[in-house]
Amino acid sequence: MLASVSPARLDDELPGRGSACATFADSASPGGQFSRLIRVKLPRAGRLERQTSDASRSRPRLRPALNRPTTCRRIDRMSHVKRFDHTGITVADLDSATAFFVGLGLEVEGIGSVKGEFVETVCGILGAHCQIVMLKSPDGYRLELSSFVAPDHLPGSPEAMANEVGLRNVSFEVDNLQAAVDAVAADGYGIVGGIGEYEGSVRMAYVRGPEGIVVSLFEQLG
């Protein structure tokens, strides 16, 4: 739910020392939920070592995560993905969904319509025809809203809660959480639960937007 913190670099070349797997959790995240399984080198005495630099000392420290599965697996660098491009959401009312996200601070990057062999092949839907609005956040994150002209939309789960399997939310950092929540409330969109605060470091709320889209808004404190 929160943006993950870049991990500190670990020593990959330590002659004569064994390798092992360890799970580390970002100490700045609620409950250490943003854990990463990484392969590290262990000295014979069994202490974890990692490279340090002036830049890495300023990052949040990593601490061992408790109560995690002990199964280790090797994680190799991805060789297929070049970059993250966008997240896509299908909506029935494209204008309302666009207005909601523009109200939060995103800007319209482009508007278009696609139909024919390409979209039919990719979607696997014969006769597919949809209208698209591409939105962009201030830091370049792209969100694609699609509305089908044909065939008719199928119902989704507009009241889905966080424990329902699937893509449950998109998340944005805001300058003032209460102001953002008040602004969307004025347009008729409420929060799913309440505004939570974690150890004086972050405040967060889930907003249920148009057609049940859940948007996680959070504010860094301090």
Foldseek 3Di string as FASTA:
>chain_A
DDDDFDDAAFDPDDPPWAKDWFKKFQPLDVLSPRIDIAIHTAHPVGDTGGDDDPVRVPTGDIDGHPPDDRDHDHDDDDDPDDDDDAAEDEDADPVQVVVLVVLLPKAWPDKDKDFDDPVCVVVVPPGWIWIWTWIAHPVGHIYIYIHTPPDHDDQDCLLDDPPDDDDQAAEDEDADVVVSQVSVVVVPKHWNPDWDDDPQFKIWTWIQGPSNHTYIYMYGGD
